[in-house]
N, C-alpha and C. Protein backbone atom coordinates (compact mmCIF):
# COMPACT_ATOMS: atom_id res chain seq x y z
N MET A 1 -10.44 -9.19 -18.60
CA MET A 1 -9.57 -10.21 -19.19
C MET A 1 -10.42 -11.38 -19.64
N LYS A 2 -10.20 -11.87 -20.81
CA LYS A 2 -10.97 -12.96 -21.39
C LYS A 2 -10.54 -14.31 -20.81
N GLY A 3 -9.26 -14.61 -20.80
CA GLY A 3 -8.74 -15.87 -20.29
C GLY A 3 -7.24 -15.84 -20.23
N THR A 4 -6.66 -16.85 -19.61
CA THR A 4 -5.20 -16.90 -19.46
C THR A 4 -4.52 -17.42 -20.72
N GLY A 5 -5.26 -18.15 -21.55
CA GLY A 5 -4.67 -18.77 -22.72
C GLY A 5 -3.87 -20.02 -22.39
N ASN A 6 -3.91 -20.42 -21.13
CA ASN A 6 -3.15 -21.58 -20.66
C ASN A 6 -4.10 -22.48 -19.87
N SER A 7 -4.34 -23.69 -20.34
CA SER A 7 -5.31 -24.58 -19.68
C SER A 7 -4.84 -25.07 -18.31
N LYS A 8 -3.58 -24.85 -17.97
CA LYS A 8 -3.05 -25.29 -16.68
C LYS A 8 -2.86 -24.15 -15.69
N LEU A 9 -3.20 -22.92 -16.09
CA LEU A 9 -3.03 -21.76 -15.22
C LEU A 9 -4.32 -20.98 -15.10
N TYR A 10 -4.78 -20.80 -13.87
CA TYR A 10 -5.94 -19.97 -13.59
C TYR A 10 -5.46 -18.80 -12.72
N ILE A 11 -6.16 -17.69 -12.80
CA ILE A 11 -5.86 -16.53 -11.96
C ILE A 11 -7.08 -16.24 -11.09
N LEU A 12 -6.85 -16.07 -9.79
CA LEU A 12 -7.90 -15.69 -8.86
C LEU A 12 -7.61 -14.26 -8.42
N LYS A 13 -8.59 -13.39 -8.60
CA LYS A 13 -8.40 -12.01 -8.20
C LYS A 13 -9.71 -11.43 -7.69
N ASN A 14 -9.63 -10.27 -7.07
CA ASN A 14 -10.83 -9.59 -6.62
C ASN A 14 -11.63 -9.15 -7.85
N SER A 15 -12.93 -9.32 -7.76
CA SER A 15 -13.79 -8.98 -8.89
C SER A 15 -13.98 -7.47 -9.01
N ASN A 16 -14.09 -7.01 -10.24
CA ASN A 16 -14.43 -5.61 -10.48
C ASN A 16 -15.92 -5.47 -10.81
N ARG A 17 -16.66 -6.57 -10.73
CA ARG A 17 -18.10 -6.56 -11.01
C ARG A 17 -18.85 -6.23 -9.72
N LYS A 18 -19.75 -5.29 -9.81
CA LYS A 18 -20.54 -4.86 -8.65
C LYS A 18 -21.27 -6.06 -8.04
N GLY A 19 -21.13 -6.21 -6.74
CA GLY A 19 -21.84 -7.25 -6.02
C GLY A 19 -21.11 -8.58 -5.95
N LYS A 20 -19.94 -8.69 -6.61
CA LYS A 20 -19.19 -9.95 -6.60
C LYS A 20 -17.86 -9.78 -5.89
N ARG A 21 -17.40 -10.84 -5.25
CA ARG A 21 -16.19 -10.81 -4.43
C ARG A 21 -14.93 -11.19 -5.22
N TYR A 22 -15.02 -12.27 -6.01
CA TYR A 22 -13.85 -12.78 -6.72
C TYR A 22 -14.15 -13.02 -8.19
N GLU A 23 -13.07 -13.12 -8.95
CA GLU A 23 -13.13 -13.56 -10.34
C GLU A 23 -12.06 -14.62 -10.52
N ILE A 24 -12.43 -15.75 -11.14
CA ILE A 24 -11.45 -16.75 -11.51
C ILE A 24 -11.33 -16.73 -13.02
N ILE A 25 -10.11 -16.54 -13.47
CA ILE A 25 -9.84 -16.46 -14.91
C ILE A 25 -9.26 -17.79 -15.33
N MET A 26 -9.97 -18.47 -16.22
CA MET A 26 -9.57 -19.78 -16.70
C MET A 26 -8.87 -19.60 -18.05
N ASP A 27 -8.69 -20.67 -18.79
CA ASP A 27 -7.92 -20.57 -20.04
C ASP A 27 -8.58 -19.71 -21.10
N THR A 28 -9.91 -19.80 -21.27
CA THR A 28 -10.57 -19.04 -22.34
C THR A 28 -11.66 -18.10 -21.84
N HIS A 29 -11.94 -18.09 -20.56
CA HIS A 29 -13.03 -17.28 -20.03
C HIS A 29 -12.85 -17.10 -18.52
N SER A 30 -13.78 -16.38 -17.92
CA SER A 30 -13.70 -16.17 -16.48
C SER A 30 -15.09 -16.25 -15.86
N HIS A 31 -15.11 -16.39 -14.53
CA HIS A 31 -16.36 -16.41 -13.76
C HIS A 31 -16.21 -15.49 -12.56
N HIS A 32 -17.18 -14.61 -12.38
CA HIS A 32 -17.25 -13.79 -11.18
C HIS A 32 -18.14 -14.55 -10.21
N PHE A 33 -17.75 -14.59 -8.94
CA PHE A 33 -18.53 -15.38 -8.00
C PHE A 33 -18.45 -14.82 -6.59
N ALA A 34 -19.37 -15.25 -5.78
CA ALA A 34 -19.50 -14.92 -4.35
C ALA A 34 -19.96 -13.48 -4.16
N SER A 35 -20.86 -13.31 -3.24
CA SER A 35 -21.35 -11.98 -2.90
C SER A 35 -20.25 -11.19 -2.20
N ASP A 36 -20.21 -9.90 -2.47
CA ASP A 36 -19.21 -9.07 -1.82
C ASP A 36 -19.65 -8.60 -0.43
N VAL A 37 -20.83 -9.03 -0.01
CA VAL A 37 -21.28 -8.78 1.36
C VAL A 37 -21.51 -10.14 2.03
N GLY A 38 -21.53 -10.16 3.32
CA GLY A 38 -21.69 -11.42 4.02
C GLY A 38 -20.36 -12.12 4.19
N SER A 39 -20.41 -13.32 4.72
CA SER A 39 -19.18 -14.05 4.98
C SER A 39 -19.31 -15.50 4.52
N THR A 40 -18.18 -16.14 4.36
CA THR A 40 -18.13 -17.53 3.91
C THR A 40 -17.35 -18.36 4.92
N TYR A 41 -17.24 -19.63 4.66
CA TYR A 41 -16.51 -20.53 5.57
C TYR A 41 -15.07 -20.09 5.78
N ILE A 42 -14.42 -19.55 4.74
CA ILE A 42 -13.04 -19.09 4.92
C ILE A 42 -12.97 -17.87 5.83
N ASP A 43 -14.10 -17.19 6.03
CA ASP A 43 -14.15 -16.01 6.91
C ASP A 43 -14.48 -16.39 8.36
N HIS A 44 -15.46 -17.28 8.53
CA HIS A 44 -15.94 -17.57 9.89
C HIS A 44 -15.59 -18.96 10.40
N GLY A 45 -15.34 -19.94 9.54
CA GLY A 45 -14.98 -21.29 9.97
C GLY A 45 -16.07 -22.02 10.72
N ASP A 46 -17.31 -21.60 10.58
CA ASP A 46 -18.44 -22.18 11.30
C ASP A 46 -19.00 -23.37 10.52
N ASP A 47 -18.84 -24.58 11.07
CA ASP A 47 -19.30 -25.79 10.38
C ASP A 47 -20.81 -25.84 10.21
N GLN A 48 -21.57 -25.27 11.15
CA GLN A 48 -23.03 -25.25 11.01
C GLN A 48 -23.46 -24.36 9.85
N LYS A 49 -22.82 -23.21 9.71
CA LYS A 49 -23.13 -22.31 8.60
C LYS A 49 -22.70 -22.95 7.28
N LYS A 50 -21.59 -23.67 7.30
CA LYS A 50 -21.13 -24.37 6.09
C LYS A 50 -22.17 -25.40 5.66
N SER A 51 -22.65 -26.18 6.61
CA SER A 51 -23.66 -27.20 6.32
C SER A 51 -24.95 -26.56 5.80
N ALA A 52 -25.36 -25.46 6.42
CA ALA A 52 -26.58 -24.77 5.98
C ALA A 52 -26.40 -24.22 4.56
N TRP A 53 -25.23 -23.67 4.26
CA TRP A 53 -24.96 -23.15 2.91
C TRP A 53 -25.05 -24.28 1.89
N THR A 54 -24.42 -25.42 2.22
CA THR A 54 -24.44 -26.57 1.31
C THR A 54 -25.87 -27.05 1.08
N GLN A 55 -26.65 -27.18 2.13
CA GLN A 55 -28.04 -27.61 2.00
C GLN A 55 -28.85 -26.63 1.14
N ARG A 56 -28.60 -25.36 1.33
CA ARG A 56 -29.33 -24.31 0.60
C ARG A 56 -28.99 -24.30 -0.89
N HIS A 57 -27.74 -24.64 -1.23
CA HIS A 57 -27.29 -24.48 -2.61
C HIS A 57 -27.09 -25.78 -3.40
N LYS A 58 -27.16 -26.92 -2.76
CA LYS A 58 -26.82 -28.17 -3.46
C LYS A 58 -27.72 -28.49 -4.64
N MET A 59 -28.89 -27.90 -4.70
CA MET A 59 -29.79 -28.13 -5.83
C MET A 59 -29.71 -27.00 -6.86
N ASP A 60 -28.83 -26.03 -6.64
CA ASP A 60 -28.67 -24.94 -7.60
C ASP A 60 -28.21 -25.47 -8.95
N LYS A 61 -28.68 -24.85 -10.00
CA LYS A 61 -28.23 -25.19 -11.34
C LYS A 61 -26.71 -25.01 -11.41
N ASN A 62 -26.03 -25.93 -12.02
CA ASN A 62 -24.58 -25.90 -12.23
C ASN A 62 -23.75 -26.02 -10.95
N TYR A 63 -24.34 -26.52 -9.88
CA TYR A 63 -23.62 -26.71 -8.61
C TYR A 63 -22.36 -27.54 -8.81
N ASN A 64 -22.39 -28.49 -9.73
CA ASN A 64 -21.25 -29.37 -9.96
C ASN A 64 -20.50 -29.07 -11.26
N SER A 65 -20.77 -27.94 -11.88
CA SER A 65 -20.11 -27.57 -13.13
C SER A 65 -19.02 -26.54 -12.86
N LYS A 66 -17.78 -26.88 -13.21
CA LYS A 66 -16.69 -25.94 -12.95
C LYS A 66 -16.79 -24.69 -13.82
N HIS A 67 -17.76 -24.67 -14.71
CA HIS A 67 -17.98 -23.49 -15.53
C HIS A 67 -19.16 -22.67 -15.00
N SER A 68 -19.16 -22.51 -13.66
CA SER A 68 -20.20 -21.71 -13.02
C SER A 68 -19.65 -21.04 -11.77
N GLY A 69 -20.28 -19.97 -11.41
CA GLY A 69 -19.88 -19.25 -10.21
C GLY A 69 -20.15 -20.02 -8.94
N ILE A 70 -21.30 -20.71 -8.86
CA ILE A 70 -21.64 -21.44 -7.65
C ILE A 70 -20.61 -22.53 -7.36
N TYR A 71 -20.09 -23.16 -8.39
CA TYR A 71 -19.07 -24.20 -8.23
C TYR A 71 -17.82 -23.60 -7.58
N HIS A 72 -17.40 -22.44 -8.05
CA HIS A 72 -16.19 -21.83 -7.50
C HIS A 72 -16.41 -21.29 -6.09
N SER A 73 -17.61 -20.83 -5.81
CA SER A 73 -17.93 -20.45 -4.43
C SER A 73 -17.80 -21.66 -3.53
N ARG A 74 -18.39 -22.76 -3.96
CA ARG A 74 -18.34 -23.99 -3.14
C ARG A 74 -16.91 -24.46 -2.94
N LYS A 75 -16.17 -24.60 -4.02
CA LYS A 75 -14.83 -25.19 -3.95
C LYS A 75 -13.80 -24.29 -3.28
N LEU A 76 -13.91 -22.98 -3.46
CA LEU A 76 -12.88 -22.08 -2.94
C LEU A 76 -13.26 -21.38 -1.64
N LEU A 77 -14.56 -21.27 -1.34
CA LEU A 77 -14.97 -20.51 -0.16
C LEU A 77 -15.68 -21.32 0.91
N TRP A 78 -16.13 -22.53 0.56
CA TRP A 78 -16.94 -23.30 1.50
C TRP A 78 -16.43 -24.70 1.79
N THR A 79 -15.22 -25.07 1.39
CA THR A 79 -14.72 -26.43 1.64
C THR A 79 -13.63 -26.51 2.69
N LYS A 80 -12.77 -25.53 2.74
CA LYS A 80 -11.61 -25.54 3.64
C LYS A 80 -11.64 -24.29 4.51
N PRO A 81 -10.95 -24.33 5.66
CA PRO A 81 -10.98 -23.17 6.57
C PRO A 81 -10.25 -21.93 6.05
N THR A 82 -9.33 -22.10 5.10
CA THR A 82 -8.62 -20.94 4.56
C THR A 82 -8.65 -20.98 3.03
N LEU A 83 -8.52 -19.81 2.44
CA LEU A 83 -8.50 -19.73 0.98
C LEU A 83 -7.28 -20.48 0.43
N ASN A 84 -6.14 -20.35 1.08
CA ASN A 84 -4.94 -21.05 0.59
C ASN A 84 -5.11 -22.57 0.61
N GLN A 85 -5.75 -23.12 1.64
CA GLN A 85 -6.01 -24.56 1.70
C GLN A 85 -6.98 -24.96 0.59
N ALA A 86 -8.00 -24.15 0.36
CA ALA A 86 -8.98 -24.44 -0.69
C ALA A 86 -8.33 -24.39 -2.07
N ILE A 87 -7.44 -23.43 -2.27
CA ILE A 87 -6.73 -23.33 -3.55
C ILE A 87 -5.89 -24.57 -3.79
N LYS A 88 -5.16 -25.02 -2.78
CA LYS A 88 -4.33 -26.22 -2.92
C LYS A 88 -5.17 -27.45 -3.28
N ALA A 89 -6.32 -27.60 -2.63
CA ALA A 89 -7.22 -28.73 -2.93
C ALA A 89 -7.76 -28.62 -4.35
N TYR A 90 -8.14 -27.42 -4.77
CA TYR A 90 -8.66 -27.19 -6.13
C TYR A 90 -7.57 -27.52 -7.16
N GLU A 91 -6.37 -27.06 -6.91
CA GLU A 91 -5.26 -27.32 -7.84
C GLU A 91 -5.03 -28.82 -8.00
N LYS A 92 -5.06 -29.53 -6.90
CA LYS A 92 -4.86 -30.98 -6.95
C LYS A 92 -6.00 -31.68 -7.69
N GLU A 93 -7.23 -31.29 -7.39
CA GLU A 93 -8.40 -31.91 -8.02
C GLU A 93 -8.45 -31.67 -9.52
N HIS A 94 -8.06 -30.47 -9.95
CA HIS A 94 -8.19 -30.10 -11.36
C HIS A 94 -6.88 -30.08 -12.13
N ASN A 95 -5.79 -30.43 -11.47
CA ASN A 95 -4.48 -30.44 -12.11
C ASN A 95 -4.16 -29.12 -12.80
N VAL A 96 -4.34 -28.03 -12.03
CA VAL A 96 -4.04 -26.68 -12.51
C VAL A 96 -3.26 -25.93 -11.44
N LYS A 97 -2.71 -24.81 -11.80
CA LYS A 97 -2.06 -23.90 -10.86
C LYS A 97 -2.92 -22.64 -10.80
N ILE A 98 -3.20 -22.16 -9.59
CA ILE A 98 -3.95 -20.93 -9.42
C ILE A 98 -3.00 -19.85 -8.91
N ASP A 99 -2.91 -18.78 -9.67
CA ASP A 99 -2.14 -17.61 -9.26
C ASP A 99 -3.10 -16.74 -8.44
N ASN A 100 -2.89 -16.73 -7.12
CA ASN A 100 -3.78 -15.99 -6.21
C ASN A 100 -3.35 -14.54 -6.15
N GLN A 101 -4.11 -13.68 -6.78
CA GLN A 101 -3.82 -12.24 -6.81
C GLN A 101 -4.77 -11.44 -5.94
N THR A 102 -5.41 -12.10 -4.99
CA THR A 102 -6.36 -11.40 -4.11
C THR A 102 -5.62 -10.63 -3.04
């Protein structure tokens, strides 16, 4: 899928790309993100691992660009203890609705 065609609606679904966990479909394009192996903060809830992940990735290219996979990993998998909580925070921050199809 290329995009939703709606700047206020994003779709989150399991990725069909080898090695990736999720795909977020935005208005005109999509991003596949997160490794399909290993665990994230939404899986383990470990604050020390969260801090280590942030330290390891904060200098990554496009860390703060919503048009990158690392940004969506950070915002949806490493900020809140559950995916649903992270989605709600993302929706509020970006003034969008995410249809969670995972």
